Protein backbone atom coordinates (compact mmCIF):
# COMPACT_ATOMS: atom_id res chain seq x y z
CA MET A 1 -18.45 11.21 -11.51
CA ASN A 2 -18.42 13.21 -8.29
CA SER A 3 -17.39 10.56 -5.75
CA LEU A 4 -14.40 8.26 -5.88
CA ILE A 5 -15.58 5.88 -3.14
CA THR A 6 -18.74 4.92 -5.05
CA ILE A 7 -16.63 3.55 -7.90
CA PRO A 8 -15.95 -0.22 -7.66
CA GLU A 9 -12.56 -0.95 -6.08
CA ILE A 10 -11.28 -2.85 -9.10
CA GLU A 11 -11.80 0.26 -11.24
CA ARG A 12 -10.06 2.63 -8.81
CA ARG A 13 -7.19 0.38 -7.77
CA ILE A 14 -4.64 2.81 -9.25
CA ILE A 15 -5.16 6.56 -9.17
CA HIS A 16 -3.23 9.52 -10.50
CA ILE A 17 -3.79 12.67 -8.46
CA GLY A 18 -3.60 15.96 -10.30
CA ARG A 19 -5.27 19.23 -11.22
CA PHE A 20 -8.18 17.56 -12.95
CA ASP A 21 -11.72 18.94 -13.12
CA ASN A 22 -13.36 15.53 -12.89
CA ILE A 23 -12.56 11.87 -12.27
CA ASN A 24 -11.47 10.44 -15.59
CA ALA A 25 -11.01 6.76 -16.46
CA ILE A 26 -7.89 5.92 -18.44
CA THR A 27 -7.90 2.36 -19.74
CA LYS A 28 -5.22 0.58 -21.71
CA ASN A 29 -7.73 -0.55 -24.34
CA ASN A 30 -9.50 2.76 -24.84
CA THR A 31 -6.31 4.78 -24.97
CA ILE A 32 -4.98 2.68 -27.84
CA LYS A 33 -8.30 2.95 -29.65
CA ASP A 34 -8.45 6.70 -29.08
CA SER A 35 -4.88 7.10 -30.27
CA MET A 36 -5.63 5.28 -33.51
CA ASN A 37 -8.74 7.41 -33.99
CA ASP A 38 -6.62 10.53 -33.49
CA TRP A 39 -4.13 9.20 -36.01
CA HIS A 40 -6.92 8.65 -38.51
CA ASN A 41 -8.32 12.12 -37.90
CA GLU A 42 -4.92 13.73 -38.31
CA ARG A 43 -4.33 11.89 -41.56
CA SER A 44 -7.73 12.92 -42.89
CA LYS A 45 -6.68 16.56 -42.50
CA LYS A 46 -3.55 16.05 -44.62
CA PRO A 47 -3.53 16.71 -48.36
CA ILE A 48 -4.08 13.60 -50.44
CA THR A 49 -0.42 13.77 -51.52
CA SER A 50 0.66 13.12 -47.93
CA MET A 51 -0.66 9.58 -48.17
CA MET A 52 1.01 8.67 -51.44
CA PRO A 53 3.34 5.68 -51.04
CA LEU A 54 6.25 6.97 -53.17
CA GLY A 55 8.02 10.21 -53.91
CA ILE A 56 6.61 12.24 -51.05
CA GLY A 57 9.01 11.10 -48.35
CA PRO A 58 9.11 14.18 -46.08
CA VAL A 59 5.33 14.60 -46.01
CA LEU A 60 4.77 10.91 -45.41
CA LEU A 61 7.31 10.90 -42.58
CA ASP A 62 5.57 13.91 -41.09
CA SER A 63 2.31 11.99 -41.07
CA VAL A 64 3.89 8.95 -39.42
CA ALA A 65 5.70 11.08 -36.85
CA GLY A 66 2.45 12.76 -35.93
CA ALA A 67 0.82 9.38 -35.40
CA ILE A 68 3.62 8.13 -33.18
CA LYS A 69 3.54 11.32 -31.16
CA THR A 70 -0.21 10.94 -30.59
CA ILE A 71 0.12 7.33 -29.46
CA SER A 72 3.03 7.95 -27.11
CA LYS A 73 1.16 10.83 -25.54
CA LYS A 74 -2.05 8.95 -24.81
CA TRP A 75 -1.15 5.28 -24.59
CA ALA A 76 -1.15 3.61 -21.14
CA ALA A 77 -0.10 0.06 -20.25
CA PHE A 78 -2.52 -0.19 -17.30
CA ASP A 79 -5.90 1.08 -16.17
CA TYR A 80 -6.11 3.99 -13.76
CA LEU A 81 -8.22 6.95 -12.74
CA GLU A 82 -7.30 10.60 -12.91
CA VAL A 83 -8.51 12.03 -9.61
CA PRO A 84 -8.77 15.73 -8.65
CA HIS A 85 -6.61 16.59 -5.65
CA ALA A 86 -9.62 17.96 -3.75
CA ILE A 87 -11.51 14.66 -4.00
CA ALA A 88 -8.47 12.60 -2.99
CA SER A 89 -7.90 14.83 0.02
CA SER A 90 -11.48 14.77 1.28
CA GLU A 91 -12.65 11.21 0.55
CA LEU A 92 -9.59 9.06 1.24
CA GLU A 93 -7.68 8.08 4.38
CA TRP A 94 -4.07 9.24 4.50
CA LYS A 95 -1.98 7.62 7.21
CA GLY A 96 1.15 8.91 8.87
CA THR A 97 3.41 10.81 6.52
CA VAL A 98 1.54 9.71 3.39
CA LYS A 99 -0.32 12.63 1.86
CA PRO A 100 -1.97 13.20 -1.55
CA GLU A 101 0.54 14.91 -3.82
CA LEU A 102 0.01 16.32 -7.28
CA ASP A 103 1.14 14.31 -10.30
CA LYS A 104 1.74 11.14 -8.32
CA PHE A 105 0.37 7.61 -8.67
CA TYR A 106 -1.15 5.76 -5.71
CA ILE A 107 -2.39 2.19 -5.28
CA LEU A 108 -5.24 0.97 -3.08
CA SER A 109 -4.37 -0.77 0.20
CA PRO A 110 -4.88 -4.57 0.15
CA HIS A 111 -7.55 -4.45 2.88
CA ASN A 112 -8.63 -0.83 3.31
CA ASN A 113 -10.83 0.53 0.53
CA ARG A 114 -10.19 4.15 1.53
CA ALA A 115 -6.41 4.07 2.01
CA TYR A 116 -3.84 4.47 -0.77
CA PHE A 117 -0.07 4.10 -0.75
CA PRO A 118 2.44 5.73 -3.13
CA PHE A 119 3.26 3.08 -5.73
CA GLU A 120 7.01 3.40 -5.15
CA LYS A 121 6.66 2.49 -1.44
CA TYR A 122 3.59 0.30 -1.67
CA HIS A 123 4.91 -2.92 -0.18
CA THR A 124 6.82 -1.48 2.78
CA LEU A 125 3.85 0.70 3.76
CA ALA A 126 1.36 -2.16 3.41
CA PHE A 127 3.55 -4.39 5.56
CA GLU A 128 4.03 -1.65 8.14
CA GLU A 129 0.26 -1.32 8.32
CA LYS A 130 0.01 -5.05 9.05
CA VAL A 131 2.75 -4.97 11.71
CA ASN A 132 1.11 -2.11 13.56
CA GLU A 133 -2.24 -3.86 13.51
CA ALA A 134 -0.74 -7.00 15.04
CA ILE A 135 0.81 -4.91 17.84
CA LYS A 136 -2.47 -3.07 18.32
CA ILE A 137 -4.36 -6.34 18.76
CA LEU A 138 -1.95 -7.66 21.38
CA MET A 139 -2.00 -4.31 23.18
CA HIS A 140 -5.73 -4.72 23.74
CA LEU A 141 -5.10 -8.11 25.36
CA LYS A 142 -3.13 -6.37 28.17
CA PRO A 143 0.32 -7.92 27.70
CA ARG A 144 3.18 -8.07 30.15
CA GLU A 145 5.88 -7.88 27.47
CA LEU A 146 5.99 -7.48 23.71
CA LEU A 147 8.89 -8.41 21.48
CA VAL A 148 8.78 -7.82 17.71
CA VAL A 149 11.36 -9.87 15.83
CA HIS A 150 12.54 -9.72 12.21
CA GLU A 151 12.94 -13.08 10.48
CA GLU A 152 13.29 -12.30 6.77
CA GLY A 153 12.55 -9.57 4.24
CA TYR A 154 11.97 -5.89 4.91
CA GLU A 155 13.66 -4.27 7.87
CA LEU A 156 11.89 -1.03 8.64
CA ASP A 157 11.24 1.00 11.76
CA VAL A 158 7.86 0.32 13.29
CA ASN A 159 5.98 3.55 13.78
CA THR A 160 4.05 2.61 16.90
CA ASN A 161 0.85 4.45 17.62
CA ALA A 162 0.22 6.78 20.52
CA GLU A 163 -1.48 4.04 22.54
CA VAL A 164 1.70 1.96 22.67
CA LYS A 165 3.85 4.95 23.62
CA ALA A 166 1.44 5.96 26.36
CA LYS A 167 1.05 2.54 27.97
CA ALA A 168 4.41 0.90 27.35
CA LYS A 169 7.71 1.26 29.08
CA LEU A 170 10.12 1.09 26.17
CA VAL A 171 12.98 -1.24 27.02
CA LYS A 172 16.53 -0.41 25.99
CA GLY A 173 19.68 -2.48 26.25
CA SER A 174 20.04 -6.24 26.32
CA GLY A 175 18.96 -8.82 28.83
CA GLU A 176 16.09 -6.73 30.22
CA MET A 177 13.34 -8.95 28.83
CA GLN A 178 13.11 -12.65 29.48
CA MET A 179 11.61 -13.32 26.05
CA GLU A 180 14.55 -11.72 24.27
CA LYS A 181 16.79 -14.57 25.43
CA LYS A 182 14.63 -16.97 23.43
CA SER A 183 15.18 -15.22 20.11
CA GLU A 184 18.30 -15.21 17.98
CA LYS A 185 16.76 -12.89 15.39
CA LYS A 186 16.97 -9.12 15.10
CA VAL A 187 14.72 -7.38 17.60
CA MET A 188 12.74 -4.57 15.95
CA PHE A 189 10.69 -3.41 18.92
CA LYS A 190 10.33 -4.36 22.58
CA ALA A 191 8.25 -3.04 25.45
CA SER A 192 7.05 -3.96 28.92
CA PHE A 193 3.80 -2.97 30.55
CA GLN A 194 2.53 -2.40 34.07
CA LYS A 195 0.30 -5.02 35.61
CA PRO A 196 -3.38 -4.11 35.22
CA GLY A 197 -5.15 -3.03 38.40
CA LEU A 198 -7.65 -5.32 40.10
CA PHE A 199 -10.58 -3.39 38.65
CA ASN A 200 -9.21 -3.76 35.09
CA ASN A 201 -9.00 -7.52 35.47
CA PHE A 202 -12.79 -7.71 35.49
CA LYS A 203 -13.25 -5.56 32.40
CA THR A 204 -14.31 -7.29 29.22
CA VAL A 205 -11.55 -7.13 26.63
CA GLN A 206 -12.77 -5.75 23.30
CA LEU A 207 -10.70 -5.59 20.16
CA PRO A 208 -10.74 -2.39 18.07
CA ASN A 209 -13.50 -2.21 15.49
CA ASP A 210 -11.24 -0.83 12.76
CA LEU A 211 -9.11 -3.94 12.16
CA ILE A 212 -8.55 -4.65 8.46
CA TRP A 213 -6.00 -7.51 8.36
CA TYR A 214 -7.40 -9.47 11.30
CA PRO A 215 -10.50 -10.93 9.58
CA SER A 216 -8.32 -12.74 7.01
CA GLU A 217 -5.71 -13.96 9.54
CA GLU A 218 -7.00 -17.27 10.94
CA LYS A 219 -3.95 -17.85 13.19
CA TRP A 220 -4.29 -14.38 14.70
CA ARG A 221 -7.90 -15.12 15.58
CA SER A 222 -6.92 -18.44 17.19
CA ILE A 223 -4.28 -16.69 19.31
CA VAL A 224 -6.74 -14.06 20.52
CA ASP A 225 -9.24 -16.77 21.39
CA GLY A 226 -6.56 -18.68 23.29
CA VAL A 227 -5.58 -15.66 25.37
CA LEU A 228 -9.14 -14.56 26.11
CA HIS A 229 -10.78 -17.92 26.75
CA HIS A 230 -8.12 -20.54 27.39
CA GLY A 231 -5.56 -18.86 29.61
CA LEU A 232 -2.59 -18.66 27.23
CA LYS A 233 0.27 -16.82 28.94
CA GLU A 234 2.72 -16.60 26.06
CA VAL A 235 2.05 -16.47 22.33
CA ASP A 236 4.04 -16.27 19.13
CA MET A 237 2.14 -14.36 16.44
CA GLY A 238 3.56 -14.51 12.91
CA ILE A 239 3.28 -11.48 10.64
CA HIS A 240 3.76 -12.71 7.11
CA TYR A 241 3.78 -10.75 3.86
CA PHE A 242 4.02 -13.38 1.14
CA GLU A 243 1.70 -11.93 -1.56
CA ASP A 244 2.43 -9.02 -3.89
CA PHE A 245 -1.27 -8.28 -4.54
CA GLY A 246 -0.48 -7.82 -8.22
CA ILE A 247 1.92 -4.95 -7.51
CA ASN A 248 4.89 -6.48 -9.28
CA SER A 249 8.00 -5.11 -10.97
CA LYS A 250 6.29 -4.94 -14.38
CA LEU A 251 3.41 -2.81 -13.13
CA GLN A 252 5.82 -0.57 -11.23
CA ALA A 253 7.92 -0.15 -14.38
CA ASP A 254 4.79 0.73 -16.37
CA ILE A 255 3.79 3.35 -13.80
CA MET A 256 7.30 4.81 -13.82
CA LYS A 257 7.10 5.12 -17.60
CA GLN A 258 3.65 6.71 -17.45
CA ALA A 259 4.81 9.15 -14.76
CA ASN A 260 8.08 9.91 -16.58
CA ILE A 261 10.12 8.70 -13.62
CA LYS A 262 13.72 7.88 -14.45
CA ILE A 263 15.01 4.36 -14.04
CA GLY A 264 17.13 4.13 -10.91
CA SER A 265 14.69 6.04 -8.74
CA GLU A 266 13.91 4.51 -5.36
CA VAL A 267 11.06 2.07 -5.94
CA THR A 268 10.58 -0.70 -3.40
CA GLN A 269 10.23 -4.10 -5.03
CA PHE A 270 8.14 -6.86 -3.47
CA LYS A 271 10.08 -8.93 -0.97
CA LYS A 272 8.81 -11.98 0.88
CA THR A 273 8.79 -10.83 4.50
CA SER A 274 8.19 -12.47 7.86
CA TRP A 275 8.25 -10.97 11.34
CA LYS A 276 6.74 -12.24 14.55
CA VAL A 277 5.46 -10.80 17.79
CA ILE A 278 6.18 -12.71 20.97
CA ALA A 279 3.94 -11.66 23.84
CA SER A 280 3.57 -12.72 27.45
CA PHE A 281 0.59 -11.99 29.66
CA TRP A 282 0.01 -11.56 33.38
C-alpha cells in the first residue's frame, strides 16, 4: 500500500511511525495466529527428542521458552498500522507542536481524518482543537468581547491562532470586561475587539470552510444562526468534551506495553471537561 489516506479510517485509527519500507497492518488476531505458526515451525525444526514428555527437561524447556519469546515479540492487544515516516510526514496534517516522530504511536483525531495526536496526549490535544474552533467561529461573527471560562476538567493554555492575536486586544487584570463580572469560574482567555467600520457592517459574514467540530454541534449552529439572523447581542457557547472516543485507560495501557513505555510515564487519561465561551457583539 502506497497511500495511508486511501485506507479506511477504522483500519488506520492507530498508527506506529517508524523506519518501515511499507505500510504494514498489525492485527491482534493475525499476530496471535502468526505467533502460533512460528511456534509450530520452530518445534518442527527440533529433534524428535525435544518433544518427548518425560526425561528431556532442558530441551523441552528450551522449546517452550522459544515459543513464549516468539509470542511476546509479535503479539499485539490492538490493531494498528506500521507507517513509514516519509508517508506520515507528507500525507498527514500536523498541528502546532505535534510532529511525526520515529517509534511513536498516534491516534486519529475524532473529526479530522488527516490529523493524528500522540496517544499519551490525545484527549488534551483533541479538546484544545475543539476550544480553538469555538473561538475561531465567534471571531468570524465580529465580537465585541470574548471570555473563555473553565467549568470542569482539563485546565490547559489555549493556543490562540494568529487571527485572534492580530485582531484582539488582549485584556489583562480584573474588572476590565463587563462579562467577567458575571462569571465565578476560572477565566482561561479574554479579549476585546475594535468596533467594525461602517463598510464592514455590510459585508456578509462567512464561517471558515475548514470547521470539523461545528457540523456535529447543534447548539453551536443555533448560536451562529441567532447572531447572524436574529440579532443576538450576547451568547454563551458551551464547549463540552464528554466522550472518550474509545481512547480509554485500557487501550492506553496496551499501547504503552507495545511501545515498551514504563508505567508512570505522563499519559493523559480521559477527563470529562466543560468550558464555555461568553461573547458579546456590537
